[in-house]
Amino acid sequence: MPVLSRPLLVLLIGLAAFPGQAADLPRHVCLSKVEQRAAVHSHQAISLAQALKARTRARHGDLVRARLCREGDRLVYVLTLLGRSGKVITATVDAATGAPVSAR
């Protein structure tokens, strides 16, 4: 019988205990800084500056955090913005085109 690491074992037990919650697991796998630079350099993703132009600052607020992540078979920028009202917004932008994917 294979030996499982403690974090993996805890995750599996949690999924078994709460099967309806599996859809709530993070769907993004974010890239390291080196992987991000390689993706932009190889034209798999536009630069963060170009992605931010797609999400105009005046409409959505101030950038708090930006991550380049894999979502299925594509790359997306996951942007955390602080709205003018003080509400935190998470926006997802297609990293290849700069087109908005979603905002929550």
PDB file of N, CA and C in Angstrom:
ATOM      1  N   MET A   1       0.843  -1.174   0.000  1.00  0.00           N
ATOM      2  CA  MET A   1       0.000   0.000   0.000  1.00  0.00           C
ATOM      3  C   MET A   1       0.895   1.248   0.000  1.00  0.00           C
ATOM      4  N   PRO A   2       0.642   2.224  -0.925  1.00  0.00           N
ATOM      5  CA  PRO A   2       1.495   3.409  -0.981  1.00  0.00           C
ATOM      6  C   PRO A   2       1.291   4.292   0.246  1.00  0.00           C
ATOM      7  N   VAL A   3       2.343   4.958   0.646  1.00  0.00           N
ATOM      8  CA  VAL A   3       2.294   5.877   1.779  1.00  0.00           C
ATOM      9  C   VAL A   3       1.986   7.270   1.235  1.00  0.00           C
ATOM     10  N   LEU A   4       0.947   7.914   1.777  1.00  0.00           N
ATOM     11  CA  LEU A   4       0.552   9.243   1.328  1.00  0.00           C
ATOM     12  C   LEU A   4       1.121  10.287   2.279  1.00  0.00           C
ATOM     13  N   SER A   5       1.491  11.426   1.724  1.00  0.00           N
ATOM     14  CA  SER A   5       1.960  12.514   2.579  1.00  0.00           C
ATOM     15  C   SER A   5       0.791  13.021   3.417  1.00  0.00           C
ATOM     16  N   ARG A   6       1.099  13.598   4.541  1.00  0.00           N
ATOM     17  CA  ARG A   6       0.053  14.078   5.454  1.00  0.00           C
ATOM     18  C   ARG A   6      -0.878  15.107   4.793  1.00  0.00           C
ATOM     19  N   PRO A   7      -0.341  16.134   4.073  1.00  0.00           N
ATOM     20  CA  PRO A   7      -1.265  17.098   3.444  1.00  0.00           C
ATOM     21  C   PRO A   7      -2.186  16.444   2.418  1.00  0.00           C
ATOM     22  N   LEU A   8      -1.670  15.498   1.646  1.00  0.00           N
ATOM     23  CA  LEU A   8      -2.504  14.822   0.652  1.00  0.00           C
ATOM     24  C   LEU A   8      -3.571  13.991   1.337  1.00  0.00           C
ATOM     25  N   LEU A   9      -3.209  13.325   2.407  1.00  0.00           N
ATOM     26  CA  LEU A   9      -4.153  12.514   3.159  1.00  0.00           C
ATOM     27  C   LEU A   9      -5.268  13.383   3.739  1.00  0.00           C
ATOM     28  N   VAL A  10      -4.912  14.539   4.301  1.00  0.00           N
ATOM     29  CA  VAL A  10      -5.909  15.461   4.852  1.00  0.00           C
ATOM     30  C   VAL A  10      -6.850  15.948   3.752  1.00  0.00           C
ATOM     31  N   LEU A  11      -6.307  16.270   2.577  1.00  0.00           N
ATOM     32  CA  LEU A  11      -7.137  16.714   1.451  1.00  0.00           C
ATOM     33  C   LEU A  11      -8.110  15.623   1.030  1.00  0.00           C
ATOM     34  N   LEU A  12      -7.631  14.393   0.908  1.00  0.00           N
ATOM     35  CA  LEU A  12      -8.499  13.289   0.496  1.00  0.00           C
ATOM     36  C   LEU A  12      -9.596  13.021   1.513  1.00  0.00           C
ATOM     37  N   ILE A  13      -9.258  13.091   2.793  1.00  0.00           N
ATOM     38  CA  ILE A  13     -10.268  12.898   3.834  1.00  0.00           C
ATOM     39  C   ILE A  13     -11.295  14.022   3.773  1.00  0.00           C
ATOM     40  N   GLY A  14     -10.825  15.247   3.557  1.00  0.00           N
ATOM     41  CA  GLY A  14     -11.736  16.384   3.457  1.00  0.00           C
ATOM     42  C   GLY A  14     -12.678  16.266   2.273  1.00  0.00           C
ATOM     43  N   LEU A  15     -12.163  15.802   1.138  1.00  0.00           N
ATOM     44  CA  LEU A  15     -13.014  15.633  -0.041  1.00  0.00           C
ATOM     45  C   LEU A  15     -14.045  14.536   0.178  1.00  0.00           C
ATOM     46  N   ALA A  16     -13.643  13.481   0.881  1.00  0.00           N
ATOM     47  CA  ALA A  16     -14.581  12.398   1.161  1.00  0.00           C
ATOM     48  C   ALA A  16     -15.660  12.845   2.136  1.00  0.00           C
ATOM     49  N   ALA A  17     -15.290  13.673   3.101  1.00  0.00           N
ATOM     50  CA  ALA A  17     -16.244  14.127   4.110  1.00  0.00           C
ATOM     51  C   ALA A  17     -17.220  15.161   3.554  1.00  0.00           C
ATOM     52  N   PHE A  18     -16.754  15.981   2.596  1.00  0.00           N
ATOM     53  CA  PHE A  18     -17.575  17.049   2.031  1.00  0.00           C
ATOM     54  C   PHE A  18     -17.549  16.984   0.506  1.00  0.00           C
ATOM     55  N   PRO A  19     -18.192  15.982  -0.097  1.00  0.00           N
ATOM     56  CA  PRO A  19     -18.093  15.820  -1.553  1.00  0.00           C
ATOM     57  C   PRO A  19     -18.661  16.987  -2.342  1.00  0.00           C
ATOM     58  N   GLY A  20     -19.648  17.695  -1.805  1.00  0.00           N
ATOM     59  CA  GLY A  20     -20.229  18.836  -2.511  1.00  0.00           C
ATOM     60  C   GLY A  20     -19.290  20.026  -2.566  1.00  0.00           C
ATOM     61  N   GLN A  21     -18.297  20.059  -1.705  1.00  0.00           N
ATOM     62  CA  GLN A  21     -17.374  21.177  -1.641  1.00  0.00           C
ATOM     63  C   GLN A  21     -16.222  21.045  -2.632  1.00  0.00           C
ATOM     64  N   ALA A  22     -16.078  19.920  -3.319  1.00  0.00           N
ATOM     65  CA  ALA A  22     -14.959  19.720  -4.245  1.00  0.00           C
ATOM     66  C   ALA A  22     -14.951  20.772  -5.344  1.00  0.00           C
ATOM     67  N   ALA A  23     -16.118  21.263  -5.734  1.00  0.00           N
ATOM     68  CA  ALA A  23     -16.182  22.290  -6.788  1.00  0.00           C
ATOM     69  C   ALA A  23     -15.619  23.619  -6.303  1.00  0.00           C
ATOM     70  N   ASP A  24     -15.509  23.794  -4.980  1.00  0.00           N
ATOM     71  CA  ASP A  24     -15.002  25.042  -4.434  1.00  0.00           C
ATOM     72  C   ASP A  24     -13.491  25.088  -4.345  1.00  0.00           C
ATOM     73  N   LEU A  25     -12.792  24.010  -4.732  1.00  0.00           N
ATOM     74  CA  LEU A  25     -11.342  24.008  -4.693  1.00  0.00           C
ATOM     75  C   LEU A  25     -10.803  25.017  -5.691  1.00  0.00           C
ATOM     76  N   PRO A  26      -9.635  25.586  -5.447  1.00  0.00           N
ATOM     77  CA  PRO A  26      -9.074  26.566  -6.375  1.00  0.00           C
ATOM     78  C   PRO A  26      -8.930  25.965  -7.771  1.00  0.00           C
ATOM     79  N   ARG A  27      -9.327  26.725  -8.762  1.00  0.00           N
ATOM     80  CA  ARG A  27      -9.229  26.226 -10.132  1.00  0.00           C
ATOM     81  C   ARG A  27      -8.016  26.784 -10.853  1.00  0.00           C
ATOM     82  N   HIS A  28      -7.253  27.612 -10.164  1.00  0.00           N
ATOM     83  CA  HIS A  28      -6.069  28.211 -10.770  1.00  0.00           C
ATOM     84  C   HIS A  28      -4.806  27.607 -10.181  1.00  0.00           C
ATOM     85  N   VAL A  29      -3.853  27.304 -11.049  1.00  0.00           N
ATOM     86  CA  VAL A  29      -2.519  26.890 -10.623  1.00  0.00           C
ATOM     87  C   VAL A  29      -1.587  27.991 -11.100  1.00  0.00           C
ATOM     88  N   CYS A  30      -1.069  28.761 -10.160  1.00  0.00           N
ATOM     89  CA  CYS A  30      -0.299  29.953 -10.521  1.00  0.00           C
ATOM     90  C   CYS A  30       1.165  29.628 -10.803  1.00  0.00           C
ATOM     91  N   LEU A  31       1.750  30.403 -11.703  1.00  0.00           N
ATOM     92  CA  LEU A  31       3.114  30.190 -12.159  1.00  0.00           C
ATOM     93  C   LEU A  31       4.106  30.912 -11.254  1.00  0.00           C
ATOM     94  N   SER A  32       5.313  30.386 -11.221  1.00  0.00           N
ATOM     95  CA  SER A  32       6.398  31.052 -10.498  1.00  0.00           C
ATOM     96  C   SER A  32       6.856  32.258 -11.318  1.00  0.00           C
ATOM     97  N   LYS A  33       7.685  33.110 -10.730  1.00  0.00           N
ATOM     98  CA  LYS A  33       8.194  34.291 -11.444  1.00  0.00           C
ATOM     99  C   LYS A  33       8.962  33.880 -12.699  1.00  0.00           C
ATOM    100  N   VAL A  34       9.762  32.830 -12.611  1.00  0.00           N
ATOM    101  CA  VAL A  34      10.536  32.364 -13.768  1.00  0.00           C
ATOM    102  C   VAL A  34       9.595  31.866 -14.859  1.00  0.00           C
ATOM    103  N   GLU A  35       8.563  31.109 -14.484  1.00  0.00           N
ATOM    104  CA  GLU A  35       7.591  30.608 -15.461  1.00  0.00           C
ATOM    105  C   GLU A  35       6.804  31.761 -16.085  1.00  0.00           C
ATOM    106  N   GLN A  36       6.503  32.787 -15.287  1.00  0.00           N
ATOM    107  CA  GLN A  36       5.781  33.947 -15.813  1.00  0.00           C
ATOM    108  C   GLN A  36       6.607  34.655 -16.884  1.00  0.00           C
ATOM    109  N   ARG A  37       7.881  34.901 -16.577  1.00  0.00           N
ATOM    110  CA  ARG A  37       8.751  35.571 -17.555  1.00  0.00           C
ATOM    111  C   ARG A  37       8.879  34.749 -18.830  1.00  0.00           C
ATOM    112  N   ALA A  38       8.991  33.432 -18.695  1.00  0.00           N
ATOM    113  CA  ALA A  38       9.103  32.554 -19.864  1.00  0.00           C
ATOM    114  C   ALA A  38       7.826  32.594 -20.705  1.00  0.00           C
ATOM    115  N   ALA A  39       6.668  32.623 -20.058  1.00  0.00           N
ATOM    116  CA  ALA A  39       5.396  32.675 -20.785  1.00  0.00           C
ATOM    117  C   ALA A  39       5.253  33.974 -21.566  1.00  0.00           C
ATOM    118  N   VAL A  40       5.650  35.088 -20.967  1.00  0.00           N
ATOM    119  CA  VAL A  40       5.572  36.380 -21.670  1.00  0.00           C
ATOM    120  C   VAL A  40       6.606  36.425 -22.791  1.00  0.00           C
ATOM    121  N   HIS A  41       7.805  35.947 -22.510  1.00  0.00           N
ATOM    122  CA  HIS A  41       8.877  35.962 -23.513  1.00  0.00           C
ATOM    123  C   HIS A  41       8.525  35.096 -24.724  1.00  0.00           C
ATOM    124  N   SER A  42       7.843  33.973 -24.502  1.00  0.00           N
ATOM    125  CA  SER A  42       7.485  33.076 -25.607  1.00  0.00           C
ATOM    126  C   SER A  42       6.139  33.441 -26.238  1.00  0.00           C
ATOM    127  N   HIS A  43       5.566  34.581 -25.833  1.00  0.00           N
ATOM    128  CA  HIS A  43       4.306  35.111 -26.379  1.00  0.00           C
ATOM    129  C   HIS A  43       3.102  34.226 -26.090  1.00  0.00           C
ATOM    130  N   GLN A  44       3.180  33.434 -25.017  1.00  0.00           N
ATOM    131  CA  GLN A  44       2.011  32.680 -24.565  1.00  0.00           C
ATOM    132  C   GLN A  44       1.092  33.596 -23.761  1.00  0.00           C
ATOM    133  N   ALA A  45       1.665  34.692 -23.245  1.00  0.00           N
ATOM    134  CA  ALA A  45       0.899  35.651 -22.447  1.00  0.00           C
ATOM    135  C   ALA A  45       1.379  37.057 -22.767  1.00  0.00           C
ATOM    136  N   ILE A  46       0.438  38.016 -22.678  1.00  0.00           N
ATOM    137  CA  ILE A  46       0.819  39.411 -22.824  1.00  0.00           C
ATOM    138  C   ILE A  46       1.414  39.866 -21.491  1.00  0.00           C
ATOM    139  N   SER A  47       2.040  41.011 -21.480  1.00  0.00           N
ATOM    140  CA  SER A  47       2.622  41.521 -20.235  1.00  0.00           C
ATOM    141  C   SER A  47       1.510  41.943 -19.277  1.00  0.00           C
ATOM    142  N   LEU A  48       1.855  42.038 -18.017  1.00  0.00           N
ATOM    143  CA  LEU A  48       0.880  42.477 -17.015  1.00  0.00           C
ATOM    144  C   LEU A  48       0.391  43.889 -17.329  1.00  0.00           C
ATOM    145  N   ALA A  49       1.278  44.746 -17.794  1.00  0.00           N
ATOM    146  CA  ALA A  49       0.883  46.116 -18.148  1.00  0.00           C
ATOM    147  C   ALA A  49      -0.194  46.110 -19.232  1.00  0.00           C
ATOM    148  N   GLN A  50      -0.046  45.248 -20.224  1.00  0.00           N
ATOM    149  CA  GLN A  50      -1.062  45.157 -21.276  1.00  0.00           C
ATOM    150  C   GLN A  50      -2.370  44.608 -20.726  1.00  0.00           C
ATOM    151  N   ALA A  51      -2.281  43.642 -19.824  1.00  0.00           N
ATOM    152  CA  ALA A  51      -3.493  43.069 -19.226  1.00  0.00           C
ATOM    153  C   ALA A  51      -4.226  44.107 -18.393  1.00  0.00           C
ATOM    154  N   LEU A  52      -3.473  44.959 -17.705  1.00  0.00           N
ATOM    155  CA  LEU A  52      -4.101  45.994 -16.888  1.00  0.00           C
ATOM    156  C   LEU A  52      -4.810  47.037 -17.736  1.00  0.00           C
ATOM    157  N   LYS A  53      -4.314  47.288 -18.933  1.00  0.00           N
ATOM    158  CA  LYS A  53      -4.996  48.226 -19.827  1.00  0.00           C
ATOM    159  C   LYS A  53      -6.382  47.710 -20.175  1.00  0.00           C
ATOM    160  N   ALA A  54      -6.531  46.385 -20.234  1.00  0.00           N
ATOM    161  CA  ALA A  54      -7.837  45.799 -20.524  1.00  0.00           C
ATOM    162  C   ALA A  54      -8.811  46.017 -19.371  1.00  0.00           C
ATOM    163  N   ARG A  55      -8.295  46.110 -18.164  1.00  0.00           N
ATOM    164  CA  ARG A  55      -9.113  46.359 -16.972  1.00  0.00           C
ATOM    165  C   ARG A  55      -8.811  47.761 -16.490  1.00  0.00           C
ATOM    166  N   THR A  56      -9.414  48.744 -17.078  1.00  0.00           N
ATOM    167  CA  THR A  56      -9.063  50.132 -16.780  1.00  0.00           C
ATOM    168  C   THR A  56      -9.185  50.435 -15.296  1.00  0.00           C
ATOM    169  N   ARG A  57      -8.191  51.106 -14.779  1.00  0.00           N
ATOM    170  CA  ARG A  57      -8.080  51.400 -13.355  1.00  0.00           C
ATOM    171  C   ARG A  57      -9.246  52.256 -12.868  1.00  0.00           C
ATOM    172  N   ALA A  58      -9.690  53.177 -13.686  1.00  0.00           N
ATOM    173  CA  ALA A  58     -10.770  54.073 -13.273  1.00  0.00           C
ATOM    174  C   ALA A  58     -12.073  53.307 -13.033  1.00  0.00           C
ATOM    175  N   ARG A  59     -12.308  52.263 -13.791  1.00  0.00           N
ATOM    176  CA  ARG A  59     -13.549  51.506 -13.663  1.00  0.00           C
ATOM    177  C   ARG A  59     -13.521  50.524 -12.507  1.00  0.00           C
ATOM    178  N   HIS A  60     -12.365  49.964 -12.207  1.00  0.00           N
ATOM    179  CA  HIS A  60     -12.341  48.829 -11.288  1.00  0.00           C
ATOM    180  C   HIS A  60     -11.563  49.050 -10.003  1.00  0.00           C
ATOM    181  N   GLY A  61     -10.783  50.089  -9.892  1.00  0.00           N
ATOM    182  CA  GLY A  61     -10.079  50.348  -8.650  1.00  0.00           C
ATOM    183  C   GLY A  61      -8.587  50.136  -8.763  1.00  0.00           C
ATOM    184  N   ASP A  62      -7.952  50.037  -7.605  1.00  0.00           N
ATOM    185  CA  ASP A  62      -6.499  49.939  -7.536  1.00  0.00           C
ATOM    186  C   ASP A  62      -6.050  48.485  -7.458  1.00  0.00           C
ATOM    187  N   LEU A  63      -4.981  48.174  -8.166  1.00  0.00           N
ATOM    188  CA  LEU A  63      -4.434  46.826  -8.177  1.00  0.00           C
ATOM    189  C   LEU A  63      -3.776  46.524  -6.836  1.00  0.00           C
ATOM    190  N   VAL A  64      -4.156  45.411  -6.232  1.00  0.00           N
ATOM    191  CA  VAL A  64      -3.578  44.965  -4.974  1.00  0.00           C
ATOM    192  C   VAL A  64      -2.612  43.809  -5.234  1.00  0.00           C
ATOM    193  N   ARG A  65      -3.009  42.880  -6.122  1.00  0.00           N
ATOM    194  CA  ARG A  65      -2.201  41.700  -6.414  1.00  0.00           C
ATOM    195  C   ARG A  65      -2.511  41.206  -7.816  1.00  0.00           C
ATOM    196  N   ALA A  66      -1.488  40.695  -8.488  1.00  0.00           N
ATOM    197  CA  ALA A  66      -1.674  40.115  -9.818  1.00  0.00           C
ATOM    198  C   ALA A  66      -0.897  38.812  -9.885  1.00  0.00           C
ATOM    199  N   ARG A  67      -1.555  37.785 -10.416  1.00  0.00           N
ATOM    200  CA  ARG A  67      -0.910  36.481 -10.568  1.00  0.00           C
ATOM    201  C   ARG A  67      -1.193  35.958 -11.974  1.00  0.00           C
ATOM    202  N   LEU A  68      -0.202  35.299 -12.561  1.00  0.00           N
ATOM    203  CA  LEU A  68      -0.384  34.627 -13.847  1.00  0.00           C
ATOM    204  C   LEU A  68      -0.584  33.156 -13.528  1.00  0.00           C
ATOM    205  N   CYS A  69      -1.725  32.611 -13.944  1.00  0.00           N
ATOM    206  CA  CYS A  69      -2.092  31.254 -13.550  1.00  0.00           C
ATOM    207  C   CYS A  69      -2.592  30.455 -14.747  1.00  0.00           C
ATOM    208  N   ARG A  70      -2.566  29.140 -14.580  1.00  0.00           N
ATOM    209  CA  ARG A  70      -3.181  28.240 -15.557  1.00  0.00           C
ATOM    210  C   ARG A  70      -4.610  27.976 -15.118  1.00  0.00           C
ATOM    211  N   GLU A  71      -5.517  28.076 -16.078  1.00  0.00           N
ATOM    212  CA  GLU A  71      -6.915  27.737 -15.845  1.00  0.00           C
ATOM    213  C   GLU A  71      -7.296  26.773 -16.965  1.00  0.00           C
ATOM    214  N   GLY A  72      -7.257  25.498 -16.658  1.00  0.00           N
ATOM    215  CA  GLY A  72      -7.468  24.497 -17.697  1.00  0.00           C
ATOM    216  C   GLY A  72      -6.292  24.514 -18.651  1.00  0.00           C
ATOM    217  N   ASP A  73      -6.567  24.738 -19.928  1.00  0.00           N
ATOM    218  CA  ASP A  73      -5.503  24.733 -20.934  1.00  0.00           C
ATOM    219  C   ASP A  73      -5.064  26.139 -21.351  1.00  0.00           C
ATOM    220  N   ARG A  74      -5.510  27.169 -20.618  1.00  0.00           N
ATOM    221  CA  ARG A  74      -5.115  28.533 -20.979  1.00  0.00           C
ATOM    222  C   ARG A  74      -4.482  29.246 -19.792  1.00  0.00           C
ATOM    223  N   LEU A  75      -3.811  30.352 -20.093  1.00  0.00           N
ATOM    224  CA  LEU A  75      -3.225  31.203 -19.058  1.00  0.00           C
ATOM    225  C   LEU A  75      -4.144  32.385 -18.808  1.00  0.00           C
ATOM    226  N   VAL A  76      -4.276  32.755 -17.538  1.00  0.00           N
ATOM    227  CA  VAL A  76      -5.095  33.904 -17.167  1.00  0.00           C
ATOM    228  C   VAL A  76      -4.350  34.727 -16.125  1.00  0.00           C
ATOM    229  N   TYR A  77      -4.612  36.022 -16.115  1.00  0.00           N
ATOM    230  CA  TYR A  77      -4.163  36.873 -15.025  1.00  0.00           C
ATOM    231  C   TYR A  77      -5.302  36.932 -14.023  1.00  0.00           C
ATOM    232  N   VAL A  78      -5.014  36.636 -12.777  1.00  0.00           N
ATOM    233  CA  VAL A  78      -5.989  36.772 -11.696  1.00  0.00           C
ATOM    234  C   VAL A  78      -5.601  38.050 -10.950  1.00  0.00           C
ATOM    235  N   LEU A  79      -6.457  39.048 -11.068  1.00  0.00           N
ATOM    236  CA  LEU A  79      -6.176  40.370 -10.502  1.00  0.00           C
ATOM    237  C   LEU A  79      -7.042  40.597  -9.276  1.00  0.00           C
ATOM    238  N   THR A  80      -6.430  41.027  -8.198  1.00  0.00           N
ATOM    239  CA  THR A  80      -7.166  41.427  -7.005  1.00  0.00           C
ATOM    240  C   THR A  80      -7.129  42.941  -6.967  1.00  0.00           C
ATOM    241  N   LEU A  81      -8.307  43.556  -6.984  1.00  0.00           N
ATOM    242  CA  LEU A  81      -8.439  45.005  -7.058  1.00  0.00           C
ATOM    243  C   LEU A  81      -9.211  45.518  -5.855  1.00  0.00           C
ATOM    244  N   LEU A  82      -8.853  46.694  -5.402  1.00  0.00           N
ATOM    245  CA  LEU A  82      -9.597  47.366  -4.346  1.00  0.00           C
ATOM    246  C   LEU A  82     -10.460  48.425  -5.007  1.00  0.00           C
ATOM    247  N   GLY A  83     -11.760  48.199  -4.996  1.00  0.00           N
ATOM    248  CA  GLY A  83     -12.695  49.115  -5.637  1.00  0.00           C
ATOM    249  C   GLY A  83     -12.796  50.432  -4.911  1.00  0.00           C
ATOM    250  N   ARG A  84     -13.323  51.425  -5.580  1.00  0.00           N
ATOM    251  CA  ARG A  84     -13.474  52.758  -4.990  1.00  0.00           C
ATOM    252  C   ARG A  84     -14.354  52.719  -3.743  1.00  0.00           C
ATOM    253  N   SER A  85     -15.273  51.765  -3.699  1.00  0.00           N
ATOM    254  CA  SER A  85     -16.169  51.641  -2.540  1.00  0.00           C
ATOM    255  C   SER A  85     -15.502  50.920  -1.374  1.00  0.00           C
ATOM    256  N   GLY A  86     -14.297  50.399  -1.581  1.00  0.00           N
ATOM    257  CA  GLY A  86     -13.601  49.646  -0.549  1.00  0.00           C
ATOM    258  C   GLY A  86     -13.796  48.150  -0.675  1.00  0.00           C
ATOM    259  N   LYS A  87     -14.603  47.738  -1.641  1.00  0.00           N
ATOM    260  CA  LYS A  87     -14.869  46.318  -1.863  1.00  0.00           C
ATOM    261  C   LYS A  87     -13.719  45.690  -2.650  1.00  0.00           C
ATOM    262  N   VAL A  88     -13.308  44.497  -2.255  1.00  0.00           N
ATOM    263  CA  VAL A  88     -12.253  43.770  -2.966  1.00  0.00           C
ATOM    264  C   VAL A  88     -12.888  43.008  -4.131  1.00  0.00           C
ATOM    265  N   ILE A  89     -12.306  43.168  -5.311  1.00  0.00           N
ATOM    266  CA  ILE A  89     -12.808  42.539  -6.533  1.00  0.00           C
ATOM    267  C   ILE A  89     -11.726  41.622  -7.076  1.00  0.00           C
ATOM    268  N   THR A  90     -12.112  40.424  -7.478  1.00  0.00           N
ATOM    269  CA  THR A  90     -11.187  39.526  -8.157  1.00  0.00           C
ATOM    270  C   THR A  90     -11.616  39.465  -9.614  1.00  0.00           C
ATOM    271  N   ALA A  91     -10.722  39.867 -10.501  1.00  0.00           N
ATOM    272  CA  ALA A  91     -11.011  39.864 -11.928  1.00  0.00           C
ATOM    273  C   ALA A  91     -10.055  38.896 -12.614  1.00  0.00           C
ATOM    274  N   THR A  92     -10.569  38.182 -13.594  1.00  0.00           N
ATOM    275  CA  THR A  92      -9.764  37.247 -14.368  1.00  0.00           C
ATOM    276  C   THR A  92      -9.699  37.744 -15.800  1.00  0.00           C
ATOM    277  N   VAL A  93      -8.473  37.837 -16.333  1.00  0.00           N
ATOM    278  CA  VAL A  93      -8.237  38.349 -17.680  1.00  0.00           C
ATOM    279  C   VAL A  93      -7.493  37.283 -18.469  1.00  0.00           C
ATOM    280  N   ASP A  94      -7.958  37.005 -19.684  1.00  0.00           N
ATOM    281  CA  ASP A  94      -7.263  36.048 -20.549  1.00  0.00           C
ATOM    282  C   ASP A  94      -5.861  36.582 -20.825  1.00  0.00           C
ATOM    283  N   ALA A  95      -4.838  35.806 -20.496  1.00  0.00           N
ATOM    284  CA  ALA A  95      -3.458  36.286 -20.609  1.00  0.00           C
ATOM    285  C   ALA A  95      -2.970  36.336 -22.048  1.00  0.00           C
ATOM    286  N   ALA A  96      -3.624  35.651 -22.951  1.00  0.00           N
ATOM    287  CA  ALA A  96      -3.198  35.680 -24.356  1.00  0.00           C
ATOM    288  C   ALA A  96      -3.753  36.904 -25.091  1.00  0.00           C
ATOM    289  N   THR A  97      -4.976  37.319 -24.720  1.00  0.00           N
ATOM    290  CA  THR A  97      -5.641  38.383 -25.460  1.00  0.00           C
ATOM    291  C   THR A  97      -5.895  39.652 -24.645  1.00  0.00           C
ATOM    292  N   GLY A  98      -5.952  39.527 -23.332  1.00  0.00           N
ATOM    293  CA  GLY A  98      -6.301  40.663 -22.489  1.00  0.00           C
ATOM    294  C   GLY A  98      -7.787  40.831 -22.311  1.00  0.00           C
ATOM    295  N   ALA A  99      -8.566  39.924 -22.876  1.00  0.00           N
ATOM    296  CA  ALA A  99     -10.027  40.007 -22.764  1.00  0.00           C
ATOM    297  C   ALA A  99     -10.475  39.613 -21.365  1.00  0.00           C
ATOM    298  N   PRO A 100     -11.417  40.360 -20.779  1.00  0.00           N
ATOM    299  CA  PRO A 100     -11.944  39.991 -19.457  1.00  0.00           C
ATOM    300  C   PRO A 100     -12.616  38.625 -19.513  1.00  0.00           C
ATOM    301  N   VAL A 101     -12.374  37.804 -18.493  1.00  0.00           N
ATOM    302  CA  VAL A 101     -13.017  36.498 -18.392  1.00  0.00           C
ATOM    303  C   VAL A 101     -14.116  36.563 -17.354  1.00  0.00           C
ATOM    304  N   SER A 102     -13.810  37.124 -16.183  1.00  0.00           N
ATOM    305  CA  SER A 102     -14.829  37.235 -15.139  1.00  0.00           C
ATOM    306  C   SER A 102     -14.397  38.276 -14.113  1.00  0.00           C
ATOM    307  N   ALA A 103     -15.362  38.686 -13.309  1.00  0.00           N
ATOM    308  CA  ALA A 103     -15.101  39.585 -12.178  1.00  0.00           C
ATOM    309  C   ALA A 103     -16.043  39.205 -11.054  1.00  0.00           C
ATOM    310  N   ARG A 104     -15.502  39.131  -9.824  1.00  0.00           N
ATOM    311  CA  ARG A 104     -16.331  38.795  -8.647  1.00  0.00           C
ATOM    312  C   ARG A 104     -15.992  39.757  -7.539  1.00  0.00           C
TER     313      ARG A 104
END
